[in-house]
């Protein structure tokens, strides 16, 4: 339906006040005619559209972006509480919906809440991925972490736990391989790192591993290290720090040191023995990691270390090892063994059920009753090993069974088996 009004054609839609789509080329012609001195009335007549339409495009100087009308939203009145609830419940929109109904009497659908929190969800995701990078001064900080990768050692796939320490300023690495990730590995790895670098940083930054942390709170970000690590820190005179629980990026640098070791030093390699693995890692650190161009600093870590960081480390000052040996209390099991770090060591079978003291150092396991040493073994190199001395089972008929067990290792010391009367004399009474 068309009718003629004021000298030009007007469609029925324009009469009803409905917006009519104007093509981009028509808008350009409007602007060209205006530049030639044409008035809005003449342009409207030429193009066959409403005069007000022409005026609107001329005022805007071109196309007008469509704006969706703002309608009042059901949850606008509780917008601030909605945001607090959403962040408090870590983005669980259904829990937010339940809380709105319970505390504010607002019954709404889950879909409505999801639409309302969509901008907040984007912010939550961005915060989870954010890394606030900061640079530390020379000698200020050492970052340590563990990673695990399966590696072929002696033709068998084994889990290798790599302790990776990174100096915060120079980015120089030190890597130590273990067959476990217990507390002793953390402490041995740190001591080896201090000796490798020839000094100690003022701080050491950890993840929240169970082996070294007694308690952490993801809400308050409170972290409490266990007493042994605190004593270790006092011995070596550094301050232990922890990144926020479940937020490894709060270390300040997302350096991916563990990933670099796993995918560069270990990937695709096989080793004849653990000794061969340790030798390979030593060579890799010396020839590859220390001499690469670091992606963040743009410098060679070894050169940066020698030039600026080595002198900033606190000297070792001939400080001894934190604890060359540990004392444990164990009960002798029914197979005449004591369990230490997931491996089993034999003692004379007459001591089954008794409580003994175990001294653990870097290389040996010694078992005592009273002040008398009753067994001594070489420390197992892998978990779930059984280190058995033949004479400890003498007379029980168990040794033939052990000889057919693949993981049984028999030690050479056999002179420690003594008559029961000697042990009774030591403890001052009968068993």
Foldseek 3Di string as FASTA:
>chain_A
DWDDDPQAIEDPCVVVVHDDDDDQVLLVVLLVVVVVPDALSVSCRVVRYDSVVSVVSVVVVGDDDDDDDDDDAPCPVCLVVLLVVCVVVLNPLVVSQVCCCVPVVDHDDSVSSCVSCVVVVVVSVCVLPDFQADADAFLAEKEKDWDWDWAAEQNDTAIKIKIWIAGRHLRQIDIDIARDDALVCVQVSVVVVCVVLQFHGQEYEYECDPRFWDDADLVVQDTHTDPVVVLSCVLRNHHYHYARHPRPSSVNDPQCRVVCCCCPQGPPDHYHHVVRSRVSSVVCSVPPQQQDQRPPPRHRSVVCCVVGHSVNGHGPVPRDRSDQKDKDKFAQACVQWTDDPQETEHFANVRHGHIWIWMDGPFKIWIGDQNDTQDMDTDDRHHHAYEYAVLSCPPPPCVVVLVPDPRYHHDDDNPRDDDQVVSCVRVVHHD
